[in-house]
Amino acid sequence: DKAQSVLGALSGYLRHGKVKVACGAG
């Protein structure tokens, strides 16, 4: 029952695909 767990899985997916993530990038 934790949304944080879902976000963790998605974050792992980004790392696996070597996606360049830029937060604070409007």
PDB file of all heavy atoms in Angstrom:
ATOM      1  N   ASP A   1       0.820  -1.224   0.000  1.00  0.00           N
ATOM      2  CA  ASP A   1       0.000   0.000   0.000  1.00  0.00           C
ATOM      3  C   ASP A   1       0.851   1.269   0.000  1.00  0.00           C
ATOM      4  O   ASP A   1       0.446   2.294   0.552  1.00  0.00           O
ATOM      5  CB  ASP A   1      -0.954   0.028   1.198  1.00  0.00           C
ATOM      6  CG  ASP A   1      -2.162  -0.878   1.001  1.00  0.00           C
ATOM      7  OD1 ASP A   1      -2.540  -1.108  -0.162  1.00  0.00           O
ATOM      8  OD2 ASP A   1      -2.718  -1.352   1.995  1.00  0.00           O
ATOM      9  N   LYS A   2       2.001   1.231  -0.641  1.00  0.00           N
ATOM     10  CA  LYS A   2       2.879   2.399  -0.650  1.00  0.00           C
ATOM     11  C   LYS A   2       3.183   2.843  -2.081  1.00  0.00           C
ATOM     12  O   LYS A   2       3.788   2.105  -2.858  1.00  0.00           O
ATOM     13  CB  LYS A   2       4.188   2.097   0.079  1.00  0.00           C
ATOM     14  CG  LYS A   2       4.006   1.891   1.581  1.00  0.00           C
ATOM     15  CD  LYS A   2       5.336   1.626   2.264  1.00  0.00           C
ATOM     16  CE  LYS A   2       5.135   1.435   3.775  1.00  0.00           C
ATOM     17  NZ  LYS A   2       6.421   1.132   4.455  1.00  0.00           N
ATOM     18  N   ALA A   3       2.752   4.062  -2.403  1.00  0.00           N
ATOM     19  CA  ALA A   3       3.060   4.629  -3.717  1.00  0.00           C
ATOM     20  C   ALA A   3       4.565   4.758  -3.912  1.00  0.00           C
ATOM     21  O   ALA A   3       5.072   4.661  -5.036  1.00  0.00           O
ATOM     22  CB  ALA A   3       2.395   5.992  -3.856  1.00  0.00           C
ATOM     23  N   GLN A   4       5.295   4.951  -2.825  1.00  0.00           N
ATOM     24  CA  GLN A   4       6.744   5.094  -2.904  1.00  0.00           C
ATOM     25  C   GLN A   4       7.388   3.842  -3.493  1.00  0.00           C
ATOM     26  O   GLN A   4       8.388   3.920  -4.224  1.00  0.00           O
ATOM     27  CB  GLN A   4       7.323   5.371  -1.520  1.00  0.00           C
ATOM     28  CG  GLN A   4       8.810   5.679  -1.513  1.00  0.00           C
ATOM     29  CD  GLN A   4       9.164   6.948  -2.267  1.00  0.00           C
ATOM     30  OE1 GLN A   4       8.651   8.027  -1.948  1.00  0.00           O
ATOM     31  NE2 GLN A   4      10.029   6.851  -3.264  1.00  0.00           N
ATOM     32  N   SER A   5       6.791   2.680  -3.229  1.00  0.00           N
ATOM     33  CA  SER A   5       7.329   1.434  -3.792  1.00  0.00           C
ATOM     34  C   SER A   5       7.182   1.414  -5.305  1.00  0.00           C
ATOM     35  O   SER A   5       8.075   0.954  -6.028  1.00  0.00           O
ATOM     36  CB  SER A   5       6.612   0.227  -3.180  1.00  0.00           C
ATOM     37  OG  SER A   5       6.799   0.172  -1.786  1.00  0.00           O
ATOM     38  N   VAL A   6       6.038   1.925  -5.794  1.00  0.00           N
ATOM     39  CA  VAL A   6       5.807   1.998  -7.236  1.00  0.00           C
ATOM     40  C   VAL A   6       6.813   2.949  -7.875  1.00  0.00           C
ATOM     41  O   VAL A   6       7.415   2.641  -8.914  1.00  0.00           O
ATOM     42  CB  VAL A   6       4.367   2.446  -7.530  1.00  0.00           C
ATOM     43  CG1 VAL A   6       4.149   2.608  -9.033  1.00  0.00           C
ATOM     44  CG2 VAL A   6       3.373   1.457  -6.949  1.00  0.00           C
ATOM     45  N   LEU A   7       7.012   4.102  -7.249  1.00  0.00           N
ATOM     46  CA  LEU A   7       7.979   5.066  -7.781  1.00  0.00           C
ATOM     47  C   LEU A   7       9.387   4.477  -7.775  1.00  0.00           C
ATOM     48  O   LEU A   7      10.172   4.707  -8.702  1.00  0.00           O
ATOM     49  CB  LEU A   7       7.938   6.359  -6.968  1.00  0.00           C
ATOM     50  CG  LEU A   7       8.870   7.474  -7.441  1.00  0.00           C
ATOM     51  CD1 LEU A   7       8.592   7.850  -8.893  1.00  0.00           C
ATOM     52  CD2 LEU A   7       8.744   8.699  -6.540  1.00  0.00           C
ATOM     53  N   GLY A   8       9.694   3.678  -6.755  1.00  0.00           N
ATOM     54  CA  GLY A   8      11.002   3.034  -6.712  1.00  0.00           C
ATOM     55  C   GLY A   8      11.208   2.093  -7.878  1.00  0.00           C
ATOM     56  O   GLY A   8      12.293   2.032  -8.473  1.00  0.00           O
ATOM     57  N   ALA A   9      10.168   1.331  -8.235  1.00  0.00           N
ATOM     58  CA  ALA A   9      10.258   0.418  -9.375  1.00  0.00           C
ATOM     59  C   ALA A   9      10.467   1.202 -10.672  1.00  0.00           C
ATOM     60  O   ALA A   9      11.289   0.819 -11.520  1.00  0.00           O
ATOM     61  CB  ALA A   9       8.992  -0.427  -9.470  1.00  0.00           C
ATOM     62  N   LEU A  10       9.739   2.293 -10.824  1.00  0.00           N
ATOM     63  CA  LEU A  10       9.873   3.115 -12.032  1.00  0.00           C
ATOM     64  C   LEU A  10      11.259   3.755 -12.109  1.00  0.00           C
ATOM     65  O   LEU A  10      11.852   3.856 -13.193  1.00  0.00           O
ATOM     66  CB  LEU A  10       8.793   4.196 -12.045  1.00  0.00           C
ATOM     67  CG  LEU A  10       7.350   3.694 -12.193  1.00  0.00           C
ATOM     68  CD1 LEU A  10       6.361   4.826 -11.925  1.00  0.00           C
ATOM     69  CD2 LEU A  10       7.121   3.106 -13.581  1.00  0.00           C
ATOM     70  N   SER A  11      11.784   4.179 -10.979  1.00  0.00           N
ATOM     71  CA  SER A  11      13.123   4.775 -10.951  1.00  0.00           C
ATOM     72  C   SER A  11      14.175   3.750 -11.361  1.00  0.00           C
ATOM     73  O   SER A  11      15.130   4.068 -12.081  1.00  0.00           O
ATOM     74  CB  SER A  11      13.424   5.325  -9.555  1.00  0.00           C
ATOM     75  OG  SER A  11      12.489   6.317  -9.196  1.00  0.00           O
ATOM     76  N   GLY A  12      13.984   2.505 -10.908  1.00  0.00           N
ATOM     77  CA  GLY A  12      14.899   1.443 -11.310  1.00  0.00           C
ATOM     78  C   GLY A  12      14.859   1.196 -12.808  1.00  0.00           C
ATOM     79  O   GLY A  12      15.880   0.900 -13.438  1.00  0.00           O
ATOM     80  N   TYR A  13      13.672   1.313 -13.392  1.00  0.00           N
ATOM     81  CA  TYR A  13      13.497   1.148 -14.837  1.00  0.00           C
ATOM     82  C   TYR A  13      14.291   2.211 -15.594  1.00  0.00           C
ATOM     83  O   TYR A  13      14.938   1.922 -16.612  1.00  0.00           O
ATOM     84  CB  TYR A  13      12.007   1.263 -15.159  1.00  0.00           C
ATOM     85  CG  TYR A  13      11.594   0.827 -16.553  1.00  0.00           C
ATOM     86  CD1 TYR A  13      12.191  -0.248 -17.206  1.00  0.00           C
ATOM     87  CD2 TYR A  13      10.552   1.489 -17.195  1.00  0.00           C
ATOM     88  CE1 TYR A  13      11.774  -0.650 -18.471  1.00  0.00           C
ATOM     89  CE2 TYR A  13      10.117   1.096 -18.462  1.00  0.00           C
ATOM     90  CZ  TYR A  13      10.737   0.023 -19.084  1.00  0.00           C
ATOM     91  OH  TYR A  13      10.310  -0.372 -20.334  1.00  0.00           O
ATOM     92  N   LEU A  14      14.259   3.439 -15.090  1.00  0.00           N
ATOM     93  CA  LEU A  14      15.025   4.520 -15.721  1.00  0.00           C
ATOM     94  C   LEU A  14      16.523   4.250 -15.633  1.00  0.00           C
ATOM     95  O   LEU A  14      17.257   4.464 -16.610  1.00  0.00           O
ATOM     96  CB  LEU A  14      14.696   5.858 -15.047  1.00  0.00           C
ATOM     97  CG  LEU A  14      13.268   6.374 -15.213  1.00  0.00           C
ATOM     98  CD1 LEU A  14      13.062   7.633 -14.378  1.00  0.00           C
ATOM     99  CD2 LEU A  14      12.947   6.653 -16.681  1.00  0.00           C
ATOM    100  N   ARG A  15      16.978   3.793 -14.489  1.00  0.00           N
ATOM    101  CA  ARG A  15      18.406   3.500 -14.341  1.00  0.00           C
ATOM    102  C   ARG A  15      18.827   2.370 -15.270  1.00  0.00           C
ATOM    103  O   ARG A  15      19.886   2.438 -15.910  1.00  0.00           O
ATOM    104  CB  ARG A  15      18.726   3.133 -12.883  1.00  0.00           C
ATOM    105  CG  ARG A  15      18.644   4.301 -11.919  1.00  0.00           C
ATOM    106  CD  ARG A  15      19.238   3.939 -10.560  1.00  0.00           C
ATOM    107  NE  ARG A  15      18.464   2.904  -9.889  1.00  0.00           N
ATOM    108  CZ  ARG A  15      17.434   3.133  -9.090  1.00  0.00           C
ATOM    109  NH1 ARG A  15      17.030   4.377  -8.869  1.00  0.00           N
ATOM    110  NH2 ARG A  15      16.796   2.134  -8.510  1.00  0.00           N
ATOM    111  N   HIS A  16      17.986   1.352 -15.380  1.00  0.00           N
ATOM    112  CA  HIS A  16      18.280   0.213 -16.257  1.00  0.00           C
ATOM    113  C   HIS A  16      18.425   0.669 -17.711  1.00  0.00           C
ATOM    114  O   HIS A  16      19.282   0.163 -18.445  1.00  0.00           O
ATOM    115  CB  HIS A  16      17.160  -0.820 -16.142  1.00  0.00           C
ATOM    116  CG  HIS A  16      17.300  -1.968 -17.091  1.00  0.00           C
ATOM    117  ND1 HIS A  16      18.210  -2.988 -16.924  1.00  0.00           N
ATOM    118  CD2 HIS A  16      16.630  -2.260 -18.257  1.00  0.00           C
ATOM    119  CE1 HIS A  16      18.114  -3.851 -17.920  1.00  0.00           C
ATOM    120  NE2 HIS A  16      17.163  -3.442 -18.742  1.00  0.00           N
ATOM    121  N   GLY A  17      17.589   1.620 -18.132  1.00  0.00           N
ATOM    122  CA  GLY A  17      17.648   2.112 -19.502  1.00  0.00           C
ATOM    123  C   GLY A  17      18.623   3.263 -19.706  1.00  0.00           C
ATOM    124  O   GLY A  17      18.693   3.842 -20.790  1.00  0.00           O
ATOM    125  N   LYS A  18      19.394   3.569 -18.646  1.00  0.00           N
ATOM    126  CA  LYS A  18      20.400   4.648 -18.706  1.00  0.00           C
ATOM    127  C   LYS A  18      19.791   5.973 -19.167  1.00  0.00           C
ATOM    128  O   LYS A  18      20.389   6.719 -19.945  1.00  0.00           O
ATOM    129  CB  LYS A  18      21.565   4.240 -19.611  1.00  0.00           C
ATOM    130  CG  LYS A  18      22.298   2.989 -19.124  1.00  0.00           C
ATOM    131  CD  LYS A  18      23.441   2.597 -20.033  1.00  0.00           C
ATOM    132  CE  LYS A  18      24.137   1.351 -19.497  1.00  0.00           C
ATOM    133  NZ  LYS A  18      25.246   0.886 -20.384  1.00  0.00           N
ATOM    134  N   VAL A  19      18.586   6.239 -18.673  1.00  0.00           N
ATOM    135  CA  VAL A  19      17.915   7.493 -19.002  1.00  0.00           C
ATOM    136  C   VAL A  19      18.558   8.626 -18.215  1.00  0.00           C
ATOM    137  O   VAL A  19      18.792   8.512 -17.011  1.00  0.00           O
ATOM    138  CB  VAL A  19      16.410   7.403 -18.661  1.00  0.00           C
ATOM    139  CG1 VAL A  19      15.722   8.748 -18.870  1.00  0.00           C
ATOM    140  CG2 VAL A  19      15.746   6.315 -19.500  1.00  0.00           C
ATOM    141  N   LYS A  20      18.864   9.725 -18.884  1.00  0.00           N
ATOM    142  CA  LYS A  20      19.389  10.915 -18.234  1.00  0.00           C
ATOM    143  C   LYS A  20      18.206  11.691 -17.643  1.00  0.00           C
ATOM    144  O   LYS A  20      17.354  12.177 -18.384  1.00  0.00           O
ATOM    145  CB  LYS A  20      20.139  11.795 -19.227  1.00  0.00           C
ATOM    146  CG  LYS A  20      21.342  11.133 -19.877  1.00  0.00           C
ATOM    147  CD  LYS A  20      22.451  10.881 -18.863  1.00  0.00           C
ATOM    148  CE  LYS A  20      23.699  10.323 -19.555  1.00  0.00           C
ATOM    149  NZ  LYS A  20      24.790  10.062 -18.591  1.00  0.00           N
ATOM    150  N   VAL A  21      18.152  11.778 -16.339  1.00  0.00           N
ATOM    151  CA  VAL A  21      17.033  12.433 -15.663  1.00  0.00           C
ATOM    152  C   VAL A  21      17.473  13.792 -15.158  1.00  0.00           C
ATOM    153  O   VAL A  21      18.491  13.913 -14.472  1.00  0.00           O
ATOM    154  CB  VAL A  21      16.523  11.579 -14.484  1.00  0.00           C
ATOM    155  CG1 VAL A  21      15.388  12.290 -13.756  1.00  0.00           C
ATOM    156  CG2 VAL A  21      16.064  10.217 -14.981  1.00  0.00           C
ATOM    157  N   ALA A  22      16.714  14.817 -15.502  1.00  0.00           N
ATOM    158  CA  ALA A  22      16.992  16.171 -15.031  1.00  0.00           C
ATOM    159  C   ALA A  22      15.769  16.700 -14.293  1.00  0.00           C
ATOM    160  O   ALA A  22      14.765  17.043 -14.914  1.00  0.00           O
ATOM    161  CB  ALA A  22      17.357  17.091 -16.197  1.00  0.00           C
ATOM    162  N   CYS A  23      15.849  16.729 -12.968  1.00  0.00           N
ATOM    163  CA  CYS A  23      14.778  17.321 -12.172  1.00  0.00           C
ATOM    164  C   CYS A  23      15.102  18.797 -11.918  1.00  0.00           C
ATOM    165  O   CYS A  23      16.258  19.212 -11.982  1.00  0.00           O
ATOM    166  CB  CYS A  23      14.634  16.573 -10.849  1.00  0.00           C
ATOM    167  SG  CYS A  23      14.032  14.879 -11.051  1.00  0.00           S
ATOM    168  N   GLY A  24      14.064  19.571 -11.667  1.00  0.00           N
ATOM    169  CA  GLY A  24      14.259  21.010 -11.555  1.00  0.00           C
ATOM    170  C   GLY A  24      14.549  21.634 -12.898  1.00  0.00           C
ATOM    171  O   GLY A  24      15.073  22.751 -12.983  1.00  0.00           O
ATOM    172  N   ALA A  25      14.207  20.920 -13.974  1.00  0.00           N
ATOM    173  CA  ALA A  25      14.483  21.389 -15.342  1.00  0.00           C
ATOM    174  C   ALA A  25      13.178  21.790 -16.004  1.00  0.00           C
ATOM    175  O   ALA A  25      12.525  20.978 -16.657  1.00  0.00           O
ATOM    176  CB  ALA A  25      15.178  20.296 -16.147  1.00  0.00           C
ATOM    177  N   GLY A  26      12.777  23.031 -15.827  1.00  0.00           N
ATOM    178  CA  GLY A  26      11.560  23.529 -16.437  1.00  0.00           C
ATOM    179  C   GLY A  26      11.740  23.774 -17.923  1.00  0.00           C
ATOM    180  O   GLY A  26      12.728  24.387 -18.344  1.00  0.00           O
TER     181      GLY A  26
END
